[in-house]
Amino acid sequence: MMKTNIKPLYGSWKAGFALDKHTEWSRPLGENSAGHMQFDTKRTEVGEALYRLKYKQDWSQLDPLARCLADNIKIRFPDARFVLPMPASTARSRQPVTEIVRIVSKITDLPHFDHLLMKEPGNTPLKNLTDKQEKLNAIGESFSVFDQIQNDGCWNVVVIDDLYHTGASLESACQVLRGYSKVNNIYVAALTRRPV
C-alpha cells in the first residue's frame, strides 16, 4: 500500500478527498540552455508515481495508484454506484486517468463510463493558469454529458481526477453532471493536490 496523507476536498460535490499532496518541496535550480527554469523537486510517493505515469509513461504505476484509490473509495463512498474519469486536458493516445478508472472499476465492482462526461478541447492549458476564476473562464461551457447509462435510476457517482488544484474543472464538471437525470450524489477522488 502506498503511503498517503488523505485530505478532504471541498467544493460543489457531496464529499471528496485527495490521497496526498503532489510535492513535498521544489527549489529552482536556474535555467537550462533553452532558457527553461529547472527545479529540484521532492514528490510524495503518490506524487512521484503520478509524475512517472503521466510524464514518463511508466504504466507500472497504474496498479498501485488505482488500488490505493479504490481502497479509499470503498471506505469513504460506500453508496457509490459508478465511477467516471475526469476528461483529460491533454490529448494522449492512452489516458492515465481513464486507465486508472478502469482498474478502480474492476477492484470495486463499480461500473465505469469512459465517455459519459465529455470536455471540448480548450485553447489555454489550465495548468498554466493559477487563479480559479481564470480557470473557470477558460473552461466556460466545455463540459457535456453523453447518456451512456441504459437503465433507469438516479445513481451516486465518483469522479476521479489526477491532480486537484483550485477545483475549477471539477466544479464545472459537477455542474453539468447535476443536470443529468441519472446522477444523484457526486463524490470526488483525486490522486494528488497542489496548494492554491
Foldseek 3Di string as FASTA:
>chain_A
DFDFDKDWDDDPFPTEIARHAQFPDKDWPAADPVRDIDIDTHTGRLNVLLCCCPPVVPCVSLVVLLVVQLVVCCVPPVQAAAEEEQDDQDDDPDDSSLSSRVVSCVVNVHYYDHQQKFFDHFDDRCVVDQDLVVSLVRRPQRIAGDDPDDDDAEGEYEYEYEEAEPCNSVNSSVVRVVVDRNYDGYYYYYHHYHYD
